[in-house]
Amino acid sequence: MRSLLSLLVFVASINSFAIDEGDVRFGLMGGNVSLLGDVGSGGQNSLGVGGIFGYQILNDIVFNVMYLSSDHKNINIKHTDLSVGVDYYTGGDGTVAHYVSGGAGMLSNNFTLTPNLDSSAMALYLGAGIDFQVGSNFLFGLKFKYNKAFDAKVGNIATVQDSVNVMAVAEFVLGKK
């Protein structure tokens, strides 16, 4: 009980988010992927899973590389998202920090019922999120990301359009210290 109380006092006494410039992050993410437009018939949802790598460029800026994959079985599409971008931390207290994010990515859809119908498109994204620091080397958080795709078509068929991701993220932080 004493050690739990000591841990609570320590966590409450931290006055800034204790992730520093030069830290490296590795993590997993999972959650909802919603395909919008004609491809998803206005909002086709599926479970997406992937990984994230981050490098803390400055105390309030993280460079990220994210990979996400989802299988939309009822519309027979396998969707992938490979993105690079930055998270800008706008504030928070000792254990919670919120951020806005932006970047670019490559979205791909593989239509599983139609052989050889694969399509990819560039996308720009905007997002927001919140991170909860759990110990000195772990972060858990939520990430919202809206991908604005440069629509791709094969003939008259729209094959890649906008998408929305709402993800839970768990990251391990390797500090330079």
N, C-alpha and C. Protein backbone atom coordinates (compact mmCIF):
# COMPACT_ATOMS: atom_id res chain seq x y z
N MET A 1 0.82 -1.19 0.00
CA MET A 1 0.00 0.00 0.00
C MET A 1 0.87 1.26 0.00
N ARG A 2 1.95 1.22 0.78
CA ARG A 2 2.84 2.37 0.86
C ARG A 2 3.46 2.66 -0.50
N SER A 3 3.88 1.60 -1.25
CA SER A 3 4.49 1.82 -2.55
C SER A 3 3.47 2.37 -3.55
N LEU A 4 2.22 1.95 -3.46
CA LEU A 4 1.18 2.50 -4.34
C LEU A 4 0.95 3.97 -4.04
N LEU A 5 0.91 4.33 -2.77
CA LEU A 5 0.76 5.73 -2.39
C LEU A 5 1.95 6.56 -2.86
N SER A 6 3.16 6.01 -2.73
CA SER A 6 4.36 6.71 -3.20
C SER A 6 4.32 6.92 -4.71
N LEU A 7 3.85 5.91 -5.44
CA LEU A 7 3.74 6.03 -6.89
C LEU A 7 2.73 7.10 -7.27
N LEU A 8 1.60 7.15 -6.61
CA LEU A 8 0.59 8.17 -6.89
C LEU A 8 1.11 9.57 -6.60
N VAL A 9 1.84 9.75 -5.50
CA VAL A 9 2.41 11.05 -5.17
C VAL A 9 3.44 11.44 -6.22
N PHE A 10 4.27 10.48 -6.67
CA PHE A 10 5.28 10.77 -7.70
C PHE A 10 4.61 11.21 -9.00
N VAL A 11 3.63 10.43 -9.46
CA VAL A 11 2.96 10.76 -10.72
C VAL A 11 2.27 12.12 -10.62
N ALA A 12 1.65 12.41 -9.50
CA ALA A 12 0.96 13.70 -9.34
C ALA A 12 1.94 14.86 -9.28
N SER A 13 3.20 14.59 -8.90
CA SER A 13 4.17 15.68 -8.76
C SER A 13 4.89 16.02 -10.06
N ILE A 14 4.73 15.21 -11.09
CA ILE A 14 5.39 15.50 -12.36
C ILE A 14 4.72 16.74 -12.95
N ASN A 15 5.50 17.74 -13.30
CA ASN A 15 4.88 18.98 -13.79
C ASN A 15 5.04 19.19 -15.29
N SER A 16 5.66 18.26 -15.98
CA SER A 16 5.69 18.34 -17.44
C SER A 16 5.72 16.94 -18.00
N PHE A 17 5.25 16.78 -19.21
CA PHE A 17 5.23 15.48 -19.86
C PHE A 17 6.68 15.03 -20.00
N ALA A 18 7.03 13.91 -19.42
CA ALA A 18 8.43 13.51 -19.27
C ALA A 18 8.98 12.74 -20.46
N ILE A 19 8.58 13.10 -21.65
CA ILE A 19 9.16 12.54 -22.86
C ILE A 19 10.04 13.65 -23.44
N ASP A 20 11.29 13.31 -23.76
CA ASP A 20 12.27 14.34 -24.10
C ASP A 20 12.70 14.28 -25.56
N GLU A 21 13.27 15.39 -25.99
CA GLU A 21 13.87 15.50 -27.32
C GLU A 21 14.87 14.36 -27.51
N GLY A 22 14.82 13.71 -28.67
CA GLY A 22 15.72 12.60 -28.96
C GLY A 22 15.18 11.23 -28.61
N ASP A 23 14.04 11.15 -27.92
CA ASP A 23 13.46 9.86 -27.57
C ASP A 23 12.89 9.18 -28.82
N VAL A 24 12.93 7.87 -28.81
CA VAL A 24 12.40 7.05 -29.89
C VAL A 24 11.21 6.26 -29.36
N ARG A 25 10.15 6.14 -30.17
CA ARG A 25 8.93 5.43 -29.77
C ARG A 25 8.63 4.30 -30.75
N PHE A 26 8.21 3.17 -30.20
CA PHE A 26 7.71 2.05 -30.99
C PHE A 26 6.37 1.66 -30.42
N GLY A 27 5.39 1.39 -31.27
CA GLY A 27 4.11 1.04 -30.70
C GLY A 27 3.19 0.29 -31.64
N LEU A 28 2.06 -0.10 -31.08
CA LEU A 28 0.99 -0.77 -31.79
C LEU A 28 -0.25 0.08 -31.70
N MET A 29 -1.11 -0.03 -32.72
CA MET A 29 -2.37 0.68 -32.67
C MET A 29 -3.47 -0.20 -33.25
N GLY A 30 -4.66 0.04 -32.78
CA GLY A 30 -5.81 -0.71 -33.27
C GLY A 30 -7.08 0.08 -33.01
N GLY A 31 -8.06 -0.10 -33.89
CA GLY A 31 -9.32 0.61 -33.72
C GLY A 31 -10.14 0.60 -34.98
N ASN A 32 -10.97 1.61 -35.14
CA ASN A 32 -11.92 1.68 -36.24
C ASN A 32 -11.33 2.38 -37.46
N VAL A 33 -11.51 1.76 -38.63
CA VAL A 33 -11.16 2.38 -39.91
C VAL A 33 -12.45 2.49 -40.70
N SER A 34 -12.79 3.69 -41.12
CA SER A 34 -14.02 3.93 -41.87
C SER A 34 -13.67 4.44 -43.26
N LEU A 35 -14.08 3.69 -44.28
CA LEU A 35 -13.88 4.11 -45.67
C LEU A 35 -15.06 4.97 -46.08
N LEU A 36 -14.80 6.13 -46.65
CA LEU A 36 -15.86 7.07 -47.01
C LEU A 36 -16.04 7.11 -48.52
N GLY A 37 -17.07 7.80 -48.97
CA GLY A 37 -17.32 7.96 -50.40
C GLY A 37 -17.90 6.71 -51.02
N ASP A 38 -17.81 6.62 -52.34
CA ASP A 38 -18.36 5.48 -53.08
C ASP A 38 -17.72 4.16 -52.67
N VAL A 39 -16.43 4.19 -52.36
CA VAL A 39 -15.72 2.97 -51.99
C VAL A 39 -16.36 2.32 -50.78
N GLY A 40 -16.64 3.10 -49.77
CA GLY A 40 -17.22 2.55 -48.54
C GLY A 40 -18.72 2.74 -48.45
N SER A 41 -19.36 3.11 -49.53
CA SER A 41 -20.81 3.37 -49.54
C SER A 41 -21.20 4.32 -48.41
N GLY A 42 -20.39 5.35 -48.21
CA GLY A 42 -20.72 6.37 -47.23
C GLY A 42 -20.19 6.14 -45.85
N GLY A 43 -19.45 5.09 -45.58
CA GLY A 43 -18.89 4.89 -44.26
C GLY A 43 -18.80 3.44 -43.85
N GLN A 44 -17.96 2.67 -44.51
CA GLN A 44 -17.79 1.25 -44.21
C GLN A 44 -16.74 1.09 -43.12
N ASN A 45 -17.14 0.51 -41.97
CA ASN A 45 -16.25 0.37 -40.82
C ASN A 45 -15.64 -1.01 -40.74
N SER A 46 -14.43 -1.08 -40.19
CA SER A 46 -13.76 -2.34 -39.94
C SER A 46 -12.67 -2.12 -38.90
N LEU A 47 -12.24 -3.21 -38.28
CA LEU A 47 -11.14 -3.16 -37.32
C LEU A 47 -9.84 -3.02 -38.08
N GLY A 48 -9.03 -2.05 -37.68
CA GLY A 48 -7.71 -1.86 -38.27
C GLY A 48 -6.64 -2.08 -37.22
N VAL A 49 -5.52 -2.65 -37.62
CA VAL A 49 -4.38 -2.85 -36.72
C VAL A 49 -3.12 -2.41 -37.45
N GLY A 50 -2.13 -1.99 -36.68
CA GLY A 50 -0.90 -1.55 -37.30
C GLY A 50 0.16 -1.18 -36.29
N GLY A 51 1.19 -0.53 -36.80
CA GLY A 51 2.32 -0.14 -35.97
C GLY A 51 2.65 1.32 -36.17
N ILE A 52 3.41 1.85 -35.22
CA ILE A 52 3.81 3.25 -35.28
C ILE A 52 5.25 3.38 -34.77
N PHE A 53 6.02 4.21 -35.44
CA PHE A 53 7.38 4.55 -35.02
C PHE A 53 7.44 6.07 -34.91
N GLY A 54 8.02 6.56 -33.84
CA GLY A 54 8.13 8.00 -33.67
C GLY A 54 9.50 8.42 -33.17
N TYR A 55 9.89 9.61 -33.56
CA TYR A 55 11.14 10.21 -33.07
C TYR A 55 10.82 11.61 -32.58
N GLN A 56 11.18 11.89 -31.34
CA GLN A 56 10.90 13.18 -30.71
C GLN A 56 11.91 14.19 -31.23
N ILE A 57 11.50 15.00 -32.23
CA ILE A 57 12.39 15.98 -32.84
C ILE A 57 12.70 17.10 -31.85
N LEU A 58 11.67 17.66 -31.25
CA LEU A 58 11.77 18.68 -30.21
C LEU A 58 10.88 18.25 -29.05
N ASN A 59 10.91 18.97 -27.95
CA ASN A 59 10.09 18.57 -26.80
C ASN A 59 8.60 18.53 -27.12
N ASP A 60 8.15 19.32 -28.10
CA ASP A 60 6.72 19.33 -28.41
C ASP A 60 6.39 18.85 -29.82
N ILE A 61 7.37 18.26 -30.54
CA ILE A 61 7.13 17.77 -31.91
C ILE A 61 7.68 16.36 -32.06
N VAL A 62 6.82 15.45 -32.56
CA VAL A 62 7.21 14.06 -32.82
C VAL A 62 7.02 13.76 -34.30
N PHE A 63 8.04 13.20 -34.94
CA PHE A 63 7.94 12.72 -36.31
C PHE A 63 7.46 11.27 -36.25
N ASN A 64 6.41 10.91 -37.03
CA ASN A 64 5.83 9.58 -36.99
C ASN A 64 5.84 8.91 -38.35
N VAL A 65 6.00 7.60 -38.33
CA VAL A 65 5.73 6.75 -39.48
C VAL A 65 4.71 5.73 -38.99
N MET A 66 3.57 5.64 -39.70
CA MET A 66 2.48 4.75 -39.26
C MET A 66 2.10 3.81 -40.40
N TYR A 67 1.81 2.56 -40.03
CA TYR A 67 1.27 1.58 -40.97
C TYR A 67 0.00 1.00 -40.37
N LEU A 68 -1.05 0.92 -41.18
CA LEU A 68 -2.34 0.43 -40.71
C LEU A 68 -2.97 -0.43 -41.78
N SER A 69 -3.56 -1.54 -41.38
CA SER A 69 -4.22 -2.44 -42.32
C SER A 69 -5.60 -2.82 -41.77
N SER A 70 -6.58 -2.87 -42.67
CA SER A 70 -7.94 -3.29 -42.27
C SER A 70 -8.55 -4.12 -43.38
N ASP A 71 -9.39 -5.06 -43.00
CA ASP A 71 -10.03 -5.97 -43.95
C ASP A 71 -11.54 -5.75 -43.87
N HIS A 72 -12.08 -5.12 -44.89
CA HIS A 72 -13.52 -4.79 -44.95
C HIS A 72 -14.22 -5.91 -45.72
N LYS A 73 -14.53 -7.00 -45.00
CA LYS A 73 -15.01 -8.23 -45.65
C LYS A 73 -16.36 -8.07 -46.33
N ASN A 74 -17.26 -7.28 -45.75
CA ASN A 74 -18.60 -7.20 -46.36
C ASN A 74 -18.61 -6.37 -47.65
N ILE A 75 -17.55 -5.62 -47.94
CA ILE A 75 -17.44 -4.97 -49.26
C ILE A 75 -16.20 -5.47 -49.99
N ASN A 76 -15.54 -6.51 -49.44
CA ASN A 76 -14.43 -7.21 -50.09
C ASN A 76 -13.26 -6.30 -50.46
N ILE A 77 -12.84 -5.49 -49.49
CA ILE A 77 -11.69 -4.60 -49.70
C ILE A 77 -10.69 -4.79 -48.57
N LYS A 78 -9.42 -4.95 -48.93
CA LYS A 78 -8.33 -4.91 -47.96
C LYS A 78 -7.68 -3.55 -48.12
N HIS A 79 -7.71 -2.76 -47.04
CA HIS A 79 -7.25 -1.37 -47.06
C HIS A 79 -5.94 -1.26 -46.29
N THR A 80 -4.96 -0.53 -46.84
CA THR A 80 -3.72 -0.25 -46.12
C THR A 80 -3.43 1.25 -46.18
N ASP A 81 -2.74 1.72 -45.16
CA ASP A 81 -2.43 3.14 -45.00
C ASP A 81 -1.00 3.23 -44.48
N LEU A 82 -0.12 3.82 -45.26
CA LEU A 82 1.27 4.08 -44.84
C LEU A 82 1.44 5.59 -44.85
N SER A 83 1.67 6.16 -43.66
CA SER A 83 1.71 7.62 -43.52
C SER A 83 2.96 8.09 -42.79
N VAL A 84 3.40 9.30 -43.12
CA VAL A 84 4.44 10.00 -42.38
C VAL A 84 3.90 11.37 -41.99
N GLY A 85 4.24 11.83 -40.81
CA GLY A 85 3.74 13.13 -40.38
C GLY A 85 4.34 13.54 -39.04
N VAL A 86 3.77 14.60 -38.49
CA VAL A 86 4.23 15.12 -37.21
C VAL A 86 3.05 15.31 -36.26
N ASP A 87 3.33 15.11 -34.99
CA ASP A 87 2.39 15.44 -33.92
C ASP A 87 2.97 16.66 -33.20
N TYR A 88 2.15 17.69 -33.03
CA TYR A 88 2.56 18.89 -32.30
C TYR A 88 1.79 18.93 -30.99
N TYR A 89 2.51 18.79 -29.89
CA TYR A 89 1.88 18.78 -28.56
C TYR A 89 1.53 20.20 -28.16
N THR A 90 0.25 20.42 -27.92
CA THR A 90 -0.25 21.75 -27.61
C THR A 90 -0.39 22.01 -26.12
N GLY A 91 -0.19 21.01 -25.31
CA GLY A 91 -0.28 21.22 -23.88
C GLY A 91 -0.67 19.96 -23.15
N GLY A 92 -0.93 20.14 -21.88
CA GLY A 92 -1.29 19.03 -21.01
C GLY A 92 -0.68 19.24 -19.65
N ASP A 93 -0.89 18.25 -18.79
CA ASP A 93 -0.27 18.34 -17.46
C ASP A 93 0.81 17.26 -17.35
N GLY A 94 1.11 16.82 -16.16
CA GLY A 94 2.22 15.90 -15.95
C GLY A 94 2.08 14.54 -16.59
N THR A 95 0.89 14.00 -16.70
CA THR A 95 0.74 12.66 -17.24
C THR A 95 -0.14 12.60 -18.48
N VAL A 96 -0.73 13.70 -18.87
CA VAL A 96 -1.62 13.75 -20.03
C VAL A 96 -1.15 14.86 -20.96
N ALA A 97 -1.08 14.57 -22.25
CA ALA A 97 -0.70 15.59 -23.24
C ALA A 97 -1.58 15.43 -24.47
N HIS A 98 -2.01 16.54 -25.04
CA HIS A 98 -2.83 16.48 -26.25
C HIS A 98 -2.06 17.12 -27.40
N TYR A 99 -2.43 16.70 -28.62
CA TYR A 99 -1.68 17.15 -29.78
C TYR A 99 -2.59 17.25 -31.00
N VAL A 100 -2.10 17.98 -31.98
CA VAL A 100 -2.68 18.00 -33.33
C VAL A 100 -1.64 17.37 -34.25
N SER A 101 -2.10 16.77 -35.33
CA SER A 101 -1.16 16.10 -36.22
C SER A 101 -1.50 16.36 -37.67
N GLY A 102 -0.50 16.19 -38.50
CA GLY A 102 -0.69 16.36 -39.94
C GLY A 102 0.41 15.66 -40.68
N GLY A 103 0.11 15.30 -41.94
CA GLY A 103 1.13 14.64 -42.74
C GLY A 103 0.58 14.16 -44.06
N ALA A 104 1.29 13.23 -44.66
CA ALA A 104 0.91 12.68 -45.95
C ALA A 104 1.04 11.17 -45.90
N GLY A 105 0.30 10.51 -46.78
CA GLY A 105 0.35 9.06 -46.79
C GLY A 105 -0.04 8.48 -48.13
N MET A 106 0.09 7.17 -48.20
CA MET A 106 -0.31 6.41 -49.37
C MET A 106 -1.39 5.43 -48.92
N LEU A 107 -2.58 5.56 -49.49
CA LEU A 107 -3.70 4.68 -49.20
C LEU A 107 -3.82 3.68 -50.34
N SER A 108 -4.05 2.41 -50.00
CA SER A 108 -4.21 1.37 -51.02
C SER A 108 -5.43 0.53 -50.70
N ASN A 109 -6.17 0.17 -51.74
CA ASN A 109 -7.30 -0.73 -51.61
C ASN A 109 -7.11 -1.89 -52.58
N ASN A 110 -7.28 -3.10 -52.06
CA ASN A 110 -7.22 -4.31 -52.85
C ASN A 110 -8.63 -4.90 -52.85
N PHE A 111 -9.25 -4.95 -54.02
CA PHE A 111 -10.61 -5.48 -54.14
C PHE A 111 -10.50 -6.99 -54.28
N THR A 112 -10.87 -7.74 -53.25
CA THR A 112 -10.60 -9.17 -53.20
C THR A 112 -11.49 -9.99 -54.13
N LEU A 113 -12.65 -9.50 -54.55
CA LEU A 113 -13.51 -10.25 -55.47
C LEU A 113 -13.13 -10.05 -56.92
N THR A 114 -12.44 -8.96 -57.22
CA THR A 114 -12.05 -8.65 -58.59
C THR A 114 -10.55 -8.86 -58.71
N PRO A 115 -10.13 -9.92 -59.42
CA PRO A 115 -8.68 -10.18 -59.53
C PRO A 115 -7.94 -8.99 -60.14
N ASN A 116 -6.81 -8.72 -59.58
CA ASN A 116 -5.91 -7.67 -60.09
C ASN A 116 -6.50 -6.27 -60.06
N LEU A 117 -7.49 -6.02 -59.23
CA LEU A 117 -8.00 -4.65 -59.08
C LEU A 117 -7.45 -4.08 -57.78
N ASP A 118 -6.29 -3.50 -57.88
CA ASP A 118 -5.63 -2.83 -56.76
C ASP A 118 -5.48 -1.38 -57.15
N SER A 119 -5.59 -0.51 -56.17
CA SER A 119 -5.46 0.91 -56.48
C SER A 119 -4.85 1.62 -55.29
N SER A 120 -4.05 2.62 -55.57
CA SER A 120 -3.40 3.42 -54.52
C SER A 120 -3.56 4.89 -54.83
N ALA A 121 -3.54 5.70 -53.79
CA ALA A 121 -3.65 7.14 -53.96
C ALA A 121 -2.91 7.85 -52.84
N MET A 122 -2.40 9.01 -53.14
CA MET A 122 -1.79 9.90 -52.14
C MET A 122 -2.90 10.50 -51.29
N ALA A 123 -2.58 10.81 -50.05
CA ALA A 123 -3.53 11.45 -49.16
C ALA A 123 -2.80 12.41 -48.24
N LEU A 124 -3.47 13.46 -47.85
CA LEU A 124 -3.01 14.35 -46.78
C LEU A 124 -3.89 14.07 -45.58
N TYR A 125 -3.32 14.17 -44.39
CA TYR A 125 -4.15 13.91 -43.22
C TYR A 125 -4.01 15.00 -42.16
N LEU A 126 -5.08 15.17 -41.42
CA LEU A 126 -5.13 16.01 -40.23
C LEU A 126 -5.69 15.15 -39.11
N GLY A 127 -5.27 15.44 -37.91
CA GLY A 127 -5.76 14.65 -36.79
C GLY A 127 -5.53 15.32 -35.47
N ALA A 128 -5.89 14.60 -34.44
CA ALA A 128 -5.70 15.05 -33.07
C ALA A 128 -5.60 13.83 -32.19
N GLY A 129 -5.07 14.02 -31.01
CA GLY A 129 -4.97 12.89 -30.11
C GLY A 129 -4.64 13.31 -28.70
N ILE A 130 -4.61 12.30 -27.85
CA ILE A 130 -4.25 12.52 -26.45
C ILE A 130 -3.40 11.33 -26.01
N ASP A 131 -2.33 11.61 -25.28
CA ASP A 131 -1.44 10.58 -24.74
C ASP A 131 -1.48 10.62 -23.23
N PHE A 132 -1.47 9.43 -22.64
CA PHE A 132 -1.40 9.28 -21.18
C PHE A 132 -0.08 8.58 -20.89
N GLN A 133 0.77 9.23 -20.10
CA GLN A 133 2.05 8.63 -19.74
C GLN A 133 1.82 7.67 -18.59
N VAL A 134 2.23 6.41 -18.81
CA VAL A 134 2.09 5.37 -17.78
C VAL A 134 3.50 4.88 -17.48
N GLY A 135 4.12 5.42 -16.46
CA GLY A 135 5.51 5.11 -16.18
C GLY A 135 6.42 5.94 -17.07
N SER A 136 7.72 5.75 -16.91
CA SER A 136 8.66 6.58 -17.65
C SER A 136 8.87 6.12 -19.09
N ASN A 137 8.43 4.89 -19.42
CA ASN A 137 8.69 4.37 -20.76
C ASN A 137 7.45 3.92 -21.53
N PHE A 138 6.26 4.20 -21.03
CA PHE A 138 5.05 3.76 -21.72
C PHE A 138 4.05 4.88 -21.91
N LEU A 139 3.45 4.91 -23.11
CA LEU A 139 2.37 5.85 -23.41
C LEU A 139 1.17 5.06 -23.93
N PHE A 140 0.00 5.45 -23.50
CA PHE A 140 -1.24 4.94 -24.06
C PHE A 140 -2.04 6.14 -24.50
N GLY A 141 -2.75 6.01 -25.61
CA GLY A 141 -3.49 7.17 -26.07
C GLY A 141 -4.55 6.84 -27.08
N LEU A 142 -5.21 7.90 -27.53
CA LEU A 142 -6.22 7.82 -28.59
C LEU A 142 -5.80 8.76 -29.71
N LYS A 143 -5.97 8.31 -30.94
CA LYS A 143 -5.56 9.09 -32.11
C LYS A 143 -6.72 9.12 -33.10
N PHE A 144 -7.10 10.32 -33.52
CA PHE A 144 -8.11 10.51 -34.57
C PHE A 144 -7.37 11.03 -35.80
N LYS A 145 -7.70 10.46 -36.97
CA LYS A 145 -7.00 10.85 -38.20
C LYS A 145 -7.99 10.86 -39.37
N TYR A 146 -8.06 11.99 -40.06
CA TYR A 146 -8.89 12.11 -41.26
C TYR A 146 -7.96 12.17 -42.47
N ASN A 147 -8.08 11.19 -43.37
CA ASN A 147 -7.28 11.14 -44.60
C ASN A 147 -8.07 11.75 -45.74
N LYS A 148 -7.58 12.81 -46.33
CA LYS A 148 -8.18 13.41 -47.53
C LYS A 148 -7.41 12.88 -48.73
N ALA A 149 -8.00 11.89 -49.41
CA ALA A 149 -7.32 11.23 -50.52
C ALA A 149 -7.50 12.00 -51.82
N PHE A 150 -6.49 11.92 -52.67
CA PHE A 150 -6.63 12.37 -54.04
C PHE A 150 -7.24 11.18 -54.77
N ASP A 151 -8.55 11.23 -54.98
CA ASP A 151 -9.33 10.08 -55.43
C ASP A 151 -8.66 9.34 -56.59
N ALA A 152 -8.73 8.01 -56.51
CA ALA A 152 -8.23 7.15 -57.59
C ALA A 152 -9.42 6.43 -58.21
N LYS A 153 -9.36 6.27 -59.52
CA LYS A 153 -10.42 5.57 -60.25
C LYS A 153 -9.80 4.58 -61.22
N VAL A 154 -10.49 3.47 -61.42
CA VAL A 154 -10.17 2.51 -62.47
C VAL A 154 -11.41 2.48 -63.35
N GLY A 155 -11.30 3.06 -64.55
CA GLY A 155 -12.49 3.25 -65.40
C GLY A 155 -13.41 4.24 -64.71
N ASN A 156 -14.65 3.85 -64.53
CA ASN A 156 -15.63 4.70 -63.82
C ASN A 156 -15.76 4.34 -62.36
N ILE A 157 -14.95 3.39 -61.88
CA ILE A 157 -15.07 2.91 -60.50
C ILE A 157 -14.13 3.70 -59.59
N ALA A 158 -14.68 4.34 -58.57
CA ALA A 158 -13.86 5.01 -57.56
C ALA A 158 -13.23 3.93 -56.69
N THR A 159 -11.91 3.88 -56.65
CA THR A 159 -11.24 2.80 -55.93
C THR A 159 -10.59 3.23 -54.62
N VAL A 160 -10.18 4.48 -54.50
CA VAL A 160 -9.62 4.99 -53.25
C VAL A 160 -10.20 6.38 -53.02
N GLN A 161 -10.80 6.57 -51.83
CA GLN A 161 -11.33 7.87 -51.44
C GLN A 161 -10.98 8.12 -49.98
N ASP A 162 -11.56 9.14 -49.37
CA ASP A 162 -11.24 9.55 -48.01
C ASP A 162 -11.51 8.42 -47.00
N SER A 163 -10.83 8.52 -45.85
CA SER A 163 -11.06 7.57 -44.77
C SER A 163 -10.84 8.27 -43.43
N VAL A 164 -11.41 7.67 -42.39
CA VAL A 164 -11.29 8.17 -41.02
C VAL A 164 -10.82 7.03 -40.13
N ASN A 165 -9.83 7.31 -39.28
CA ASN A 165 -9.32 6.31 -38.33
C ASN A 165 -9.50 6.85 -36.92
N VAL A 166 -9.98 6.00 -36.02
CA VAL A 166 -10.02 6.29 -34.59
C VAL A 166 -9.31 5.13 -33.91
N MET A 167 -8.11 5.40 -33.38
CA MET A 167 -7.23 4.33 -32.92
C MET A 167 -6.85 4.47 -31.45
N ALA A 168 -6.73 3.34 -30.79
CA ALA A 168 -6.07 3.26 -29.49
C ALA A 168 -4.61 2.95 -29.78
N VAL A 169 -3.70 3.64 -29.09
CA VAL A 169 -2.27 3.50 -29.36
C VAL A 169 -1.54 3.18 -28.07
N ALA A 170 -0.63 2.19 -28.13
CA ALA A 170 0.24 1.86 -27.00
C ALA A 170 1.67 1.95 -27.51
N GLU A 171 2.50 2.78 -26.85
CA GLU A 171 3.87 3.01 -27.32
C GLU A 171 4.88 2.79 -26.19
N PHE A 172 6.01 2.22 -26.56
CA PHE A 172 7.15 2.07 -25.66
C PHE A 172 8.16 3.14 -26.06
N VAL A 173 8.67 3.87 -25.08
CA VAL A 173 9.59 4.98 -25.33
C VAL A 173 10.99 4.59 -24.89
N LEU A 174 11.94 4.71 -25.84
CA LEU A 174 13.35 4.49 -25.54
C LEU A 174 13.98 5.87 -25.37
N GLY A 175 14.34 6.21 -24.15
CA GLY A 175 14.95 7.50 -23.89
C GLY A 175 16.44 7.48 -24.21
N LYS A 176 16.96 8.66 -24.51
CA LYS A 176 18.40 8.76 -24.82
C LYS A 176 19.25 8.77 -23.57
N LYS A 177 18.61 8.89 -22.42
CA LYS A 177 19.36 8.95 -21.16
C LYS A 177 19.77 7.59 -20.69
